[in-house]
Amino acid sequence: MKLSTMHDLLIHQLQDLYSAEQQIIEALPKMQKTASSKALQDAFAKHLEETETHVKRLEEVGDELDIKLGGITCKGMEGLIKESEELLEMDKSPIVDQALIAAAQRVEHYEIAGYGCVLTYAEMLGHDDIVDTLKDTMDEEITTDEDLTTIAEDDLEAMEDEE
């Protein structure tokens, strides 16, 4: 794809996010299965549902802009997920949970950056019709990141109490 205009960049970034969200849908059930903490398992299950909604929202945005979202692979997300795959082979433990949270937060931060960019581009280009949709997803990504931090802190406190 040639990036000559801000509209081209918006489209490319939306396609990248679409691919990223689809990869996350594949990864989250594996992460949920590996987690030992009920709170973390529940957080992964909740985020899987949200991620499925994020894909639908991106499809709505694509329809609104009359663009095709498929066809590219988000290499950044591919790398983040690949980096965390070794965790999925480990035995369940609070330490592995902490590593899963760290991996999941890297993913969230990547998504937050991506949605922040497309939100800015959409606003700049006057695509008011998609701004609220993108903002809803951005807010959910931020909340997920905050929820993961809370789980990590709570689990770390529990680990300290056991020592």
N, C-alpha and C. Protein backbone atom coordinates (compact mmCIF):
# COMPACT_ATOMS: atom_id res chain seq x y z
N MET A 1 0.84 -1.18 0.00
CA MET A 1 0.00 0.00 0.00
C MET A 1 0.88 1.24 0.00
N LYS A 2 0.49 2.18 -0.81
CA LYS A 2 1.21 3.43 -0.88
C LYS A 2 0.61 4.40 0.14
N LEU A 3 1.46 5.04 0.94
CA LEU A 3 1.01 6.01 1.93
C LEU A 3 1.33 7.41 1.43
N SER A 4 0.36 8.00 0.72
CA SER A 4 0.55 9.33 0.15
C SER A 4 -0.22 10.40 0.91
N THR A 5 -1.29 9.98 1.57
CA THR A 5 -2.16 10.95 2.26
C THR A 5 -2.44 10.48 3.67
N MET A 6 -2.96 11.37 4.48
CA MET A 6 -3.36 10.99 5.84
C MET A 6 -4.50 9.97 5.80
N HIS A 7 -5.34 10.06 4.78
CA HIS A 7 -6.41 9.07 4.64
C HIS A 7 -5.81 7.68 4.40
N ASP A 8 -4.78 7.61 3.55
CA ASP A 8 -4.09 6.34 3.31
C ASP A 8 -3.52 5.79 4.63
N LEU A 9 -2.93 6.67 5.42
CA LEU A 9 -2.35 6.25 6.69
C LEU A 9 -3.43 5.76 7.65
N LEU A 10 -4.55 6.46 7.70
CA LEU A 10 -5.67 6.04 8.54
C LEU A 10 -6.12 4.63 8.15
N ILE A 11 -6.30 4.41 6.87
CA ILE A 11 -6.73 3.09 6.40
C ILE A 11 -5.71 2.03 6.80
N HIS A 12 -4.45 2.29 6.55
CA HIS A 12 -3.41 1.31 6.87
C HIS A 12 -3.41 0.99 8.37
N GLN A 13 -3.53 2.01 9.19
CA GLN A 13 -3.52 1.80 10.64
C GLN A 13 -4.76 1.04 11.10
N LEU A 14 -5.90 1.31 10.49
CA LEU A 14 -7.12 0.55 10.82
C LEU A 14 -6.97 -0.92 10.43
N GLN A 15 -6.36 -1.17 9.28
CA GLN A 15 -6.11 -2.55 8.85
C GLN A 15 -5.16 -3.25 9.82
N ASP A 16 -4.16 -2.54 10.27
CA ASP A 16 -3.20 -3.08 11.22
C ASP A 16 -3.90 -3.45 12.54
N LEU A 17 -4.74 -2.56 13.03
CA LEU A 17 -5.49 -2.83 14.26
C LEU A 17 -6.45 -4.00 14.09
N TYR A 18 -7.05 -4.09 12.94
CA TYR A 18 -7.97 -5.20 12.66
C TYR A 18 -7.24 -6.54 12.75
N SER A 19 -6.08 -6.60 12.15
CA SER A 19 -5.26 -7.80 12.23
C SER A 19 -4.83 -8.07 13.67
N ALA A 20 -4.41 -7.03 14.37
CA ALA A 20 -3.97 -7.18 15.76
C ALA A 20 -5.09 -7.74 16.62
N GLU A 21 -6.29 -7.19 16.49
CA GLU A 21 -7.43 -7.65 17.30
C GLU A 21 -7.74 -9.12 17.00
N GLN A 22 -7.66 -9.52 15.75
CA GLN A 22 -7.93 -10.91 15.40
C GLN A 22 -6.88 -11.85 16.01
N GLN A 23 -5.64 -11.41 16.03
CA GLN A 23 -4.59 -12.22 16.65
C GLN A 23 -4.81 -12.35 18.16
N ILE A 24 -5.29 -11.30 18.76
CA ILE A 24 -5.56 -11.31 20.21
C ILE A 24 -6.69 -12.29 20.52
N ILE A 25 -7.69 -12.34 19.67
CA ILE A 25 -8.80 -13.28 19.86
C ILE A 25 -8.27 -14.71 19.90
N GLU A 26 -7.28 -15.01 19.11
CA GLU A 26 -6.69 -16.36 19.10
C GLU A 26 -5.83 -16.61 20.34
N ALA A 27 -5.18 -15.58 20.86
CA ALA A 27 -4.23 -15.75 21.96
C ALA A 27 -4.91 -15.77 23.34
N LEU A 28 -5.96 -15.01 23.52
CA LEU A 28 -6.54 -14.86 24.86
C LEU A 28 -7.04 -16.17 25.49
N PRO A 29 -7.70 -17.06 24.75
CA PRO A 29 -8.12 -18.32 25.39
C PRO A 29 -6.94 -19.14 25.91
N LYS A 30 -5.83 -19.09 25.21
CA LYS A 30 -4.63 -19.82 25.65
C LYS A 30 -4.08 -19.19 26.93
N MET A 31 -4.09 -17.88 26.98
CA MET A 31 -3.60 -17.18 28.17
C MET A 31 -4.53 -17.45 29.36
N GLN A 32 -5.81 -17.45 29.09
CA GLN A 32 -6.79 -17.73 30.15
C GLN A 32 -6.56 -19.14 30.71
N LYS A 33 -6.30 -20.09 29.85
CA LYS A 33 -6.09 -21.48 30.27
C LYS A 33 -4.81 -21.62 31.10
N THR A 34 -3.81 -20.81 30.82
CA THR A 34 -2.53 -20.88 31.52
C THR A 34 -2.56 -20.18 32.87
N ALA A 35 -3.42 -19.19 33.01
CA ALA A 35 -3.47 -18.40 34.26
C ALA A 35 -3.93 -19.27 35.43
N SER A 36 -3.32 -19.05 36.59
CA SER A 36 -3.73 -19.78 37.79
C SER A 36 -4.72 -18.98 38.63
N SER A 37 -4.67 -17.68 38.54
CA SER A 37 -5.53 -16.79 39.32
C SER A 37 -6.92 -16.70 38.68
N LYS A 38 -7.95 -16.88 39.49
CA LYS A 38 -9.32 -16.76 39.01
C LYS A 38 -9.57 -15.34 38.48
N ALA A 39 -9.03 -14.34 39.18
CA ALA A 39 -9.21 -12.95 38.74
C ALA A 39 -8.59 -12.73 37.35
N LEU A 40 -7.42 -13.32 37.12
CA LEU A 40 -6.76 -13.17 35.83
C LEU A 40 -7.51 -13.95 34.74
N GLN A 41 -7.95 -15.14 35.07
CA GLN A 41 -8.75 -15.91 34.11
C GLN A 41 -9.99 -15.12 33.70
N ASP A 42 -10.66 -14.54 34.69
CA ASP A 42 -11.86 -13.75 34.42
C ASP A 42 -11.54 -12.51 33.58
N ALA A 43 -10.42 -11.87 33.87
CA ALA A 43 -10.02 -10.67 33.11
C ALA A 43 -9.75 -11.04 31.65
N PHE A 44 -9.09 -12.17 31.42
CA PHE A 44 -8.84 -12.60 30.04
C PHE A 44 -10.15 -12.94 29.33
N ALA A 45 -11.07 -13.59 30.04
CA ALA A 45 -12.37 -13.93 29.44
C ALA A 45 -13.14 -12.65 29.09
N LYS A 46 -13.14 -11.69 30.00
CA LYS A 46 -13.83 -10.41 29.74
C LYS A 46 -13.20 -9.70 28.55
N HIS A 47 -11.87 -9.70 28.49
CA HIS A 47 -11.22 -8.98 27.40
C HIS A 47 -11.43 -9.70 26.06
N LEU A 48 -11.59 -11.00 26.09
CA LEU A 48 -11.90 -11.73 24.86
C LEU A 48 -13.23 -11.24 24.30
N GLU A 49 -14.24 -11.13 25.16
CA GLU A 49 -15.54 -10.61 24.72
C GLU A 49 -15.41 -9.20 24.17
N GLU A 50 -14.66 -8.37 24.88
CA GLU A 50 -14.46 -6.99 24.42
C GLU A 50 -13.74 -6.96 23.08
N THR A 51 -12.74 -7.82 22.93
CA THR A 51 -11.96 -7.85 21.69
C THR A 51 -12.82 -8.26 20.51
N GLU A 52 -13.73 -9.20 20.74
CA GLU A 52 -14.67 -9.57 19.67
C GLU A 52 -15.53 -8.36 19.28
N THR A 53 -15.91 -7.56 20.27
CA THR A 53 -16.65 -6.33 20.00
C THR A 53 -15.77 -5.32 19.26
N HIS A 54 -14.48 -5.26 19.62
CA HIS A 54 -13.57 -4.34 18.94
C HIS A 54 -13.48 -4.67 17.44
N VAL A 55 -13.44 -5.96 17.13
CA VAL A 55 -13.39 -6.38 15.72
C VAL A 55 -14.66 -5.92 15.01
N LYS A 56 -15.81 -6.12 15.65
CA LYS A 56 -17.08 -5.68 15.03
C LYS A 56 -17.09 -4.17 14.84
N ARG A 57 -16.59 -3.44 15.82
CA ARG A 57 -16.54 -1.98 15.68
C ARG A 57 -15.64 -1.58 14.52
N LEU A 58 -14.49 -2.24 14.41
CA LEU A 58 -13.60 -1.91 13.29
C LEU A 58 -14.28 -2.23 11.96
N GLU A 59 -15.04 -3.30 11.91
CA GLU A 59 -15.77 -3.62 10.69
C GLU A 59 -16.81 -2.54 10.38
N GLU A 60 -17.46 -2.01 11.42
CA GLU A 60 -18.40 -0.90 11.23
C GLU A 60 -17.67 0.33 10.69
N VAL A 61 -16.49 0.61 11.24
CA VAL A 61 -15.69 1.74 10.77
C VAL A 61 -15.30 1.52 9.31
N GLY A 62 -14.87 0.31 8.99
CA GLY A 62 -14.53 -0.01 7.60
C GLY A 62 -15.70 0.20 6.67
N ASP A 63 -16.90 -0.24 7.09
CA ASP A 63 -18.10 -0.04 6.28
C ASP A 63 -18.39 1.46 6.11
N GLU A 64 -18.26 2.19 7.20
CA GLU A 64 -18.53 3.63 7.16
C GLU A 64 -17.58 4.35 6.19
N LEU A 65 -16.32 3.92 6.18
CA LEU A 65 -15.31 4.54 5.31
C LEU A 65 -15.23 3.86 3.94
N ASP A 66 -16.01 2.78 3.77
CA ASP A 66 -16.02 2.01 2.53
C ASP A 66 -14.62 1.48 2.19
N ILE A 67 -14.00 0.84 3.21
CA ILE A 67 -12.67 0.26 3.01
C ILE A 67 -12.67 -1.20 3.44
N LYS A 68 -11.73 -1.95 2.88
CA LYS A 68 -11.52 -3.35 3.23
C LYS A 68 -10.45 -3.40 4.32
N LEU A 69 -10.75 -4.08 5.42
CA LEU A 69 -9.80 -4.11 6.53
C LEU A 69 -8.85 -5.30 6.49
N GLY A 70 -9.21 -6.38 5.89
CA GLY A 70 -8.35 -7.55 5.86
C GLY A 70 -7.20 -7.37 4.89
N GLY A 71 -6.35 -8.37 4.87
CA GLY A 71 -5.31 -8.38 3.86
C GLY A 71 -3.91 -8.06 4.33
N ILE A 72 -3.77 -7.56 5.56
CA ILE A 72 -2.42 -7.35 6.07
C ILE A 72 -2.30 -8.06 7.42
N THR A 73 -1.07 -8.30 7.81
CA THR A 73 -0.78 -8.91 9.10
C THR A 73 -0.05 -7.90 9.96
N CYS A 74 -0.55 -7.69 11.15
CA CYS A 74 0.11 -6.79 12.09
C CYS A 74 1.35 -7.50 12.64
N LYS A 75 2.50 -7.11 12.15
CA LYS A 75 3.76 -7.74 12.56
C LYS A 75 4.09 -7.44 14.02
N GLY A 76 3.74 -6.24 14.48
CA GLY A 76 4.00 -5.88 15.87
C GLY A 76 3.27 -6.80 16.83
N MET A 77 1.98 -7.02 16.59
CA MET A 77 1.21 -7.89 17.46
C MET A 77 1.69 -9.33 17.33
N GLU A 78 2.03 -9.71 16.13
CA GLU A 78 2.55 -11.05 15.90
C GLU A 78 3.78 -11.29 16.78
N GLY A 79 4.66 -10.29 16.84
CA GLY A 79 5.86 -10.40 17.66
C GLY A 79 5.55 -10.43 19.14
N LEU A 80 4.63 -9.59 19.59
CA LEU A 80 4.26 -9.57 21.01
C LEU A 80 3.67 -10.91 21.45
N ILE A 81 2.83 -11.47 20.60
CA ILE A 81 2.22 -12.76 20.94
C ILE A 81 3.25 -13.87 20.89
N LYS A 82 4.10 -13.85 19.89
CA LYS A 82 5.15 -14.88 19.79
C LYS A 82 6.06 -14.83 21.01
N GLU A 83 6.37 -13.63 21.46
CA GLU A 83 7.23 -13.46 22.62
C GLU A 83 6.64 -14.10 23.88
N SER A 84 5.32 -14.13 23.98
CA SER A 84 4.67 -14.66 25.17
C SER A 84 4.33 -16.14 25.07
N GLU A 85 4.53 -16.75 23.93
CA GLU A 85 4.11 -18.14 23.73
C GLU A 85 4.81 -19.12 24.66
N GLU A 86 6.05 -18.86 25.02
CA GLU A 86 6.75 -19.79 25.91
C GLU A 86 6.07 -19.86 27.27
N LEU A 87 5.40 -18.80 27.68
CA LEU A 87 4.67 -18.80 28.95
C LEU A 87 3.54 -19.82 28.94
N LEU A 88 2.97 -20.04 27.78
CA LEU A 88 1.83 -20.93 27.66
C LEU A 88 2.20 -22.39 27.88
N GLU A 89 3.48 -22.69 27.85
CA GLU A 89 3.96 -24.06 28.07
C GLU A 89 4.35 -24.31 29.52
N MET A 90 4.32 -23.27 30.33
CA MET A 90 4.76 -23.38 31.72
C MET A 90 3.62 -23.84 32.62
N ASP A 91 4.02 -24.40 33.76
CA ASP A 91 3.03 -24.79 34.75
C ASP A 91 2.42 -23.55 35.38
N LYS A 92 1.16 -23.67 35.75
CA LYS A 92 0.46 -22.56 36.38
C LYS A 92 1.12 -22.19 37.70
N SER A 93 1.29 -20.88 37.91
CA SER A 93 1.85 -20.39 39.17
C SER A 93 1.62 -18.89 39.25
N PRO A 94 1.72 -18.33 40.45
CA PRO A 94 1.59 -16.87 40.58
C PRO A 94 2.67 -16.11 39.79
N ILE A 95 3.85 -16.68 39.68
CA ILE A 95 4.92 -16.02 38.93
C ILE A 95 4.58 -16.01 37.44
N VAL A 96 4.08 -17.13 36.93
CA VAL A 96 3.67 -17.19 35.53
C VAL A 96 2.52 -16.21 35.30
N ASP A 97 1.62 -16.08 36.27
CA ASP A 97 0.54 -15.10 36.15
C ASP A 97 1.12 -13.69 35.99
N GLN A 98 2.12 -13.36 36.77
CA GLN A 98 2.75 -12.04 36.65
C GLN A 98 3.36 -11.85 35.26
N ALA A 99 3.98 -12.90 34.73
CA ALA A 99 4.55 -12.82 33.38
C ALA A 99 3.45 -12.67 32.33
N LEU A 100 2.33 -13.37 32.53
CA LEU A 100 1.20 -13.24 31.61
C LEU A 100 0.64 -11.82 31.63
N ILE A 101 0.56 -11.25 32.83
CA ILE A 101 0.07 -9.88 32.96
C ILE A 101 1.01 -8.92 32.23
N ALA A 102 2.31 -9.11 32.42
CA ALA A 102 3.28 -8.24 31.74
C ALA A 102 3.13 -8.35 30.22
N ALA A 103 2.96 -9.58 29.73
CA ALA A 103 2.78 -9.78 28.29
C ALA A 103 1.47 -9.13 27.81
N ALA A 104 0.42 -9.31 28.60
CA ALA A 104 -0.88 -8.74 28.21
C ALA A 104 -0.83 -7.21 28.24
N GLN A 105 -0.11 -6.65 29.19
CA GLN A 105 -0.02 -5.19 29.23
C GLN A 105 0.79 -4.64 28.07
N ARG A 106 1.78 -5.37 27.61
CA ARG A 106 2.50 -4.94 26.42
C ARG A 106 1.54 -4.86 25.23
N VAL A 107 0.68 -5.87 25.13
CA VAL A 107 -0.33 -5.89 24.07
C VAL A 107 -1.27 -4.70 24.22
N GLU A 108 -1.74 -4.46 25.44
CA GLU A 108 -2.65 -3.34 25.67
C GLU A 108 -2.00 -2.01 25.30
N HIS A 109 -0.76 -1.83 25.68
CA HIS A 109 -0.07 -0.57 25.37
C HIS A 109 0.09 -0.39 23.86
N TYR A 110 0.35 -1.47 23.17
CA TYR A 110 0.45 -1.43 21.70
C TYR A 110 -0.89 -0.99 21.11
N GLU A 111 -1.97 -1.59 21.62
CA GLU A 111 -3.30 -1.24 21.12
C GLU A 111 -3.66 0.21 21.46
N ILE A 112 -3.36 0.63 22.67
CA ILE A 112 -3.66 2.00 23.07
C ILE A 112 -2.95 2.99 22.15
N ALA A 113 -1.69 2.70 21.83
CA ALA A 113 -0.95 3.56 20.90
C ALA A 113 -1.62 3.57 19.52
N GLY A 114 -2.02 2.41 19.04
CA GLY A 114 -2.66 2.32 17.73
C GLY A 114 -3.99 3.04 17.68
N TYR A 115 -4.81 2.81 18.69
CA TYR A 115 -6.12 3.49 18.71
C TYR A 115 -5.96 4.99 18.92
N GLY A 116 -4.97 5.38 19.69
CA GLY A 116 -4.72 6.82 19.86
C GLY A 116 -4.39 7.49 18.55
N CYS A 117 -3.59 6.81 17.73
CA CYS A 117 -3.24 7.37 16.41
C CYS A 117 -4.44 7.45 15.50
N VAL A 118 -5.19 6.34 15.35
CA VAL A 118 -6.32 6.38 14.41
C VAL A 118 -7.40 7.35 14.88
N LEU A 119 -7.54 7.48 16.18
CA LEU A 119 -8.51 8.44 16.72
C LEU A 119 -8.10 9.86 16.34
N THR A 120 -6.82 10.16 16.50
CA THR A 120 -6.31 11.49 16.12
C THR A 120 -6.47 11.73 14.62
N TYR A 121 -6.13 10.73 13.81
CA TYR A 121 -6.25 10.89 12.36
C TYR A 121 -7.71 11.10 11.95
N ALA A 122 -8.60 10.31 12.54
CA ALA A 122 -10.03 10.43 12.20
C ALA A 122 -10.55 11.82 12.57
N GLU A 123 -10.16 12.31 13.73
CA GLU A 123 -10.58 13.66 14.14
C GLU A 123 -10.03 14.70 13.17
N MET A 124 -8.75 14.57 12.84
CA MET A 124 -8.10 15.53 11.96
C MET A 124 -8.74 15.54 10.57
N LEU A 125 -9.13 14.36 10.10
CA LEU A 125 -9.71 14.24 8.76
C LEU A 125 -11.22 14.53 8.75
N GLY A 126 -11.78 14.83 9.92
CA GLY A 126 -13.20 15.16 9.98
C GLY A 126 -14.14 13.98 9.91
N HIS A 127 -13.64 12.80 10.23
CA HIS A 127 -14.48 11.60 10.23
C HIS A 127 -15.19 11.47 11.57
N ASP A 128 -16.03 12.46 11.86
CA ASP A 128 -16.74 12.49 13.14
C ASP A 128 -17.62 11.26 13.33
N ASP A 129 -18.04 10.64 12.22
CA ASP A 129 -18.90 9.48 12.27
C ASP A 129 -18.23 8.25 12.88
N ILE A 130 -16.91 8.21 12.93
CA ILE A 130 -16.22 7.04 13.49
C ILE A 130 -15.47 7.36 14.79
N VAL A 131 -15.37 8.61 15.14
CA VAL A 131 -14.59 9.01 16.32
C VAL A 131 -15.12 8.37 17.59
N ASP A 132 -16.43 8.43 17.81
CA ASP A 132 -16.99 7.86 19.04
C ASP A 132 -16.76 6.36 19.13
N THR A 133 -16.88 5.68 18.00
CA THR A 133 -16.65 4.23 17.96
C THR A 133 -15.22 3.91 18.36
N LEU A 134 -14.27 4.63 17.79
CA LEU A 134 -12.86 4.41 18.11
C LEU A 134 -12.57 4.78 19.57
N LYS A 135 -13.20 5.84 20.05
CA LYS A 135 -13.00 6.27 21.43
C LYS A 135 -13.51 5.22 22.41
N ASP A 136 -14.64 4.59 22.11
CA ASP A 136 -15.17 3.54 22.98
C ASP A 136 -14.16 2.41 23.13
N THR A 137 -13.57 2.01 22.01
CA THR A 137 -12.57 0.93 22.07
C THR A 137 -11.33 1.38 22.83
N MET A 138 -10.87 2.57 22.56
CA MET A 138 -9.70 3.10 23.26
C MET A 138 -9.94 3.10 24.77
N ASP A 139 -11.10 3.55 25.19
CA ASP A 139 -11.42 3.58 26.62
C ASP A 139 -11.41 2.18 27.23
N GLU A 140 -11.92 1.20 26.49
CA GLU A 140 -11.92 -0.18 26.99
C GLU A 140 -10.49 -0.72 27.10
N GLU A 141 -9.64 -0.38 26.15
CA GLU A 141 -8.25 -0.83 26.22
C GLU A 141 -7.56 -0.23 27.45
N ILE A 142 -7.80 1.02 27.72
CA ILE A 142 -7.21 1.67 28.89
C ILE A 142 -7.72 1.02 30.17
N THR A 143 -9.01 0.74 30.23
CA THR A 143 -9.59 0.09 31.41
C THR A 143 -9.01 -1.30 31.61
N THR A 144 -8.83 -2.04 30.54
CA THR A 144 -8.22 -3.38 30.64
C THR A 144 -6.82 -3.28 31.21
N ASP A 145 -6.05 -2.33 30.72
CA ASP A 145 -4.69 -2.13 31.24
C ASP A 145 -4.73 -1.83 32.74
N GLU A 146 -5.62 -0.96 33.15
CA GLU A 146 -5.74 -0.61 34.57
C GLU A 146 -6.17 -1.82 35.39
N ASP A 147 -7.10 -2.61 34.86
CA ASP A 147 -7.56 -3.81 35.56
C ASP A 147 -6.42 -4.82 35.74
N LEU A 148 -5.61 -4.97 34.71
CA LEU A 148 -4.45 -5.88 34.80
C LEU A 148 -3.46 -5.40 35.85
N THR A 149 -3.26 -4.10 35.94
CA THR A 149 -2.37 -3.56 36.97
C THR A 149 -2.91 -3.88 38.36
N THR A 150 -4.20 -3.71 38.56
CA THR A 150 -4.82 -4.01 39.85
C THR A 150 -4.65 -5.48 40.21
N ILE A 151 -4.89 -6.36 39.26
CA ILE A 151 -4.73 -7.80 39.51
C ILE A 151 -3.28 -8.10 39.87
N ALA A 152 -2.34 -7.53 39.13
CA ALA A 152 -0.91 -7.77 39.41
C ALA A 152 -0.56 -7.31 40.81
N GLU A 153 -1.01 -6.12 41.18
CA GLU A 153 -0.69 -5.60 42.51
C GLU A 153 -1.32 -6.44 43.61
N ASP A 154 -2.57 -6.83 43.42
CA ASP A 154 -3.25 -7.67 44.42
C ASP A 154 -2.54 -9.02 44.57
N ASP A 155 -2.17 -9.62 43.45
CA ASP A 155 -1.49 -10.92 43.50
C ASP A 155 -0.10 -10.80 44.12
N LEU A 156 0.60 -9.69 43.84
CA LEU A 156 1.92 -9.48 44.45
C LEU A 156 1.80 -9.33 45.96
N GLU A 157 0.79 -8.60 46.41
CA GLU A 157 0.56 -8.46 47.85
C GLU A 157 0.28 -9.81 48.50
N ALA A 158 -0.52 -10.63 47.84
CA ALA A 158 -0.81 -11.97 48.36
C ALA A 158 0.45 -12.82 48.43
N MET A 159 1.32 -12.67 47.42
CA MET A 159 2.58 -13.43 47.43
C MET A 159 3.47 -12.96 48.58
N GLU A 160 3.52 -11.67 48.85
CA GLU A 160 4.31 -11.13 49.96
C GLU A 160 3.79 -11.62 51.30
N ASP A 161 2.46 -11.68 51.42
CA ASP A 161 1.85 -12.15 52.67
C ASP A 161 2.19 -13.60 52.95
N GLU A 162 2.40 -14.39 51.90
CA GLU A 162 2.72 -15.81 52.06
C GLU A 162 4.16 -16.02 52.47
N GLU A 163 5.02 -15.04 52.24
CA GLU A 163 6.46 -15.20 52.55
C GLU A 163 6.74 -15.05 54.02
